[in-house]
Amino acid sequence: MSYYGYGATSSSLNSAVNSSVWVIISFILAIIGGILVYFLFLNKKNEGKYNGFVGWLYDFLSFKKMFLEALLKITYLIIAIYITLSSFALIEVSFLSFVFALVFGNLMIRIAYEFSLILLVICRNTTEIAKNTSKPQIEKSAEKE
C-alpha cells in the first residue's frame, strides 16, 4: 500500500538504478568484447582466411570496404526528393520562394554531398596509392621480369 505517493517514487527509483546498472555492465562487456574481437578475429594473420558471410564480416569490421559512399548517395536522394516535394508548399506563399527553394535548395545539397564524396574519393585513391607503393623494390623488379 502506498502512502502519500512514496510507492511510485521508490518504484521509479528502482527502475532507474536497474537501468544504470545495466548500462554500466553493457559498457564493460562492450569493452571486453571489442578487445577480444580485435585481437582474436581481426588479427592480420586472419586476413583472407574467411569466406562467405564471415569474410564479409571480417572486411566490414576491419574497414576494408567503405559503405559510407552508398549511405551518402541514399541520403542525398532522400533529402533531394524531400526538398523538391516540400518546396511545392511554398507556391501558396510566393512563386519566387518556390523556385528559389526548388533550385537553390537542391543545388546547395548537391554541392554539400559532392564535397563529402570528394573526401571519400581522395581517401580511396590515397589507399590505392599506398597499397601500390608499399611493395619493396625487389618484388617490383621481379614482377617486371
Protein backbone atom coordinates (compact mmCIF):
# COMPACT_ATOMS: atom_id res chain seq x y z
CA MET A 1 0.00 0.00 0.00
CA SER A 2 1.34 3.39 -0.97
CA TYR A 3 1.05 6.32 1.44
CA TYR A 4 1.44 9.84 0.10
CA GLY A 5 2.81 8.62 -3.22
CA TYR A 6 6.02 7.10 -1.83
CA GLY A 7 5.44 3.74 -3.56
CA ALA A 8 5.51 5.22 -7.06
CA THR A 9 8.69 7.17 -6.35
CA SER A 10 10.60 4.20 -4.99
CA SER A 11 9.45 2.07 -7.94
CA SER A 12 10.75 4.58 -10.47
CA LEU A 13 13.95 4.96 -8.43
CA ASN A 14 14.49 1.17 -8.52
CA SER A 15 13.89 1.19 -12.25
CA ALA A 16 16.44 3.98 -12.74
CA VAL A 17 19.01 2.14 -10.61
CA ASN A 18 18.45 -1.10 -12.52
CA SER A 19 18.83 0.75 -15.83
CA SER A 20 22.05 2.43 -14.76
CA VAL A 21 23.48 -0.89 -13.53
CA TRP A 22 22.68 -2.47 -16.88
CA VAL A 23 24.28 0.47 -18.73
CA ILE A 24 27.50 0.01 -16.72
CA ILE A 25 27.50 -3.76 -17.29
CA SER A 26 26.86 -3.20 -21.02
CA PHE A 27 29.77 -0.75 -21.20
CA ILE A 28 32.16 -3.20 -19.52
CA LEU A 29 31.01 -6.09 -21.75
CA ALA A 30 31.38 -3.89 -24.85
CA ILE A 31 34.96 -3.03 -23.92
CA ILE A 32 35.85 -6.68 -23.30
CA GLY A 33 34.06 -7.82 -26.46
CA GLY A 34 35.68 -5.14 -28.61
CA ILE A 35 39.15 -6.04 -27.37
CA LEU A 36 38.56 -9.77 -27.91
CA VAL A 37 37.14 -9.31 -31.42
CA TYR A 38 40.01 -7.02 -32.36
CA PHE A 39 42.80 -9.30 -31.18
CA LEU A 40 41.25 -12.70 -31.96
CA PHE A 41 39.13 -12.14 -35.08
CA LEU A 42 40.62 -9.07 -36.78
CA ASN A 43 44.21 -10.25 -36.44
CA LYS A 44 46.35 -9.65 -39.55
CA LYS A 45 47.11 -13.38 -39.85
CA ASN A 46 43.37 -14.00 -40.39
CA GLU A 47 43.26 -11.77 -43.49
CA GLY A 48 41.94 -13.74 -46.47
CA LYS A 49 41.21 -16.74 -44.27
CA TYR A 50 37.43 -16.40 -44.14
CA ASN A 51 34.82 -16.88 -46.89
CA GLY A 52 31.14 -16.07 -47.24
CA PHE A 53 29.40 -14.11 -44.53
CA VAL A 54 32.31 -14.39 -42.09
CA GLY A 55 34.65 -13.00 -44.78
CA TRP A 56 32.24 -10.14 -45.41
CA LEU A 57 32.04 -9.54 -41.64
CA TYR A 58 35.85 -9.51 -41.41
CA ASP A 59 36.06 -6.95 -44.24
CA PHE A 60 33.28 -4.88 -42.67
CA LEU A 61 34.80 -4.80 -39.19
CA SER A 62 38.33 -4.15 -40.46
CA PHE A 63 37.09 -1.32 -42.73
CA LYS A 64 38.36 -2.96 -45.91
CA LYS A 65 35.20 -1.88 -47.69
CA MET A 66 33.65 1.54 -47.26
CA PHE A 67 29.87 1.66 -47.01
CA LEU A 68 29.68 5.38 -46.40
CA GLU A 69 29.57 6.17 -50.12
CA ALA A 70 26.38 4.18 -50.67
CA LEU A 71 24.87 5.63 -47.49
CA LEU A 72 25.69 9.17 -48.61
CA LYS A 73 24.12 8.58 -52.02
CA ILE A 74 20.92 7.21 -50.48
CA THR A 75 20.63 10.09 -48.00
CA TYR A 76 21.31 12.58 -50.80
CA LEU A 77 18.42 11.14 -52.82
CA ILE A 78 16.10 11.20 -49.82
CA ILE A 79 16.96 14.82 -48.96
CA ALA A 80 16.77 15.97 -52.61
CA ILE A 81 13.31 14.43 -53.00
CA TYR A 82 12.25 15.98 -49.69
CA ILE A 83 13.47 19.45 -50.73
CA THR A 84 11.75 19.13 -54.10
CA LEU A 85 8.43 17.99 -52.65
CA SER A 86 8.43 20.40 -49.72
CA SER A 87 9.21 23.34 -52.00
CA PHE A 88 5.75 22.88 -53.56
CA ALA A 89 4.26 24.03 -50.24
CA LEU A 90 5.81 27.44 -50.91
CA ILE A 91 3.74 28.03 -54.05
CA GLU A 92 0.99 29.46 -51.84
CA VAL A 93 3.46 31.89 -50.25
CA SER A 94 5.03 33.08 -53.49
CA PHE A 95 6.12 31.57 -56.74
CA LEU A 96 9.56 33.12 -56.36
CA SER A 97 10.16 31.43 -52.99
CA PHE A 98 9.04 28.13 -54.54
CA VAL A 99 11.55 28.44 -57.40
CA PHE A 100 14.28 29.60 -55.01
CA ALA A 101 13.76 26.65 -52.65
CA LEU A 102 13.45 24.19 -55.54
CA VAL A 103 16.56 25.30 -57.43
CA PHE A 104 18.90 26.58 -54.74
CA GLY A 105 17.89 24.01 -52.13
CA ASN A 106 18.73 21.15 -54.45
CA LEU A 107 21.86 22.92 -55.68
CA MET A 108 23.18 23.51 -52.15
CA ILE A 109 22.51 19.95 -51.02
CA ARG A 110 24.20 18.64 -54.17
CA ILE A 111 27.31 20.75 -53.53
CA ALA A 112 27.49 19.62 -49.90
CA TYR A 113 27.22 15.95 -50.85
CA GLU A 114 29.73 16.29 -53.68
CA PHE A 115 32.28 17.73 -51.24
CA SER A 116 31.75 14.80 -48.89
CA LEU A 117 32.08 12.33 -51.79
CA ILE A 118 35.28 14.08 -52.91
CA LEU A 119 36.75 13.35 -49.48
CA LEU A 120 35.83 9.69 -49.90
CA VAL A 121 37.40 9.55 -53.37
CA ILE A 122 40.58 11.14 -52.01
CA CYS A 123 40.64 8.55 -49.23
CA ARG A 124 40.12 5.70 -51.70
CA ASN A 125 42.81 6.99 -54.07
CA THR A 126 45.28 7.54 -51.24
CA THR A 127 44.68 4.00 -50.00
CA GLU A 128 45.24 2.64 -53.51
CA ILE A 129 48.45 4.63 -53.92
CA ALA A 130 49.72 3.43 -50.53
CA LYS A 131 48.89 -0.17 -51.43
CA ASN A 132 50.74 0.07 -54.75
CA THR A 133 53.82 1.75 -53.30
CA SER A 134 54.17 -0.46 -50.22
CA LYS A 135 55.82 -3.32 -52.17
CA PRO A 136 59.58 -3.49 -51.74
CA GLN A 137 61.69 -2.57 -54.75
CA ILE A 138 62.97 -6.18 -55.08
CA GLU A 139 59.42 -7.51 -55.63
CA LYS A 140 58.72 -4.79 -58.21
CA SER A 141 61.83 -5.65 -60.22
CA ALA A 142 60.95 -9.37 -60.03
CA GLU A 143 57.46 -8.64 -61.38
CA LYS A 144 58.90 -6.83 -64.41
CA GLU A 145 60.99 -9.84 -65.44
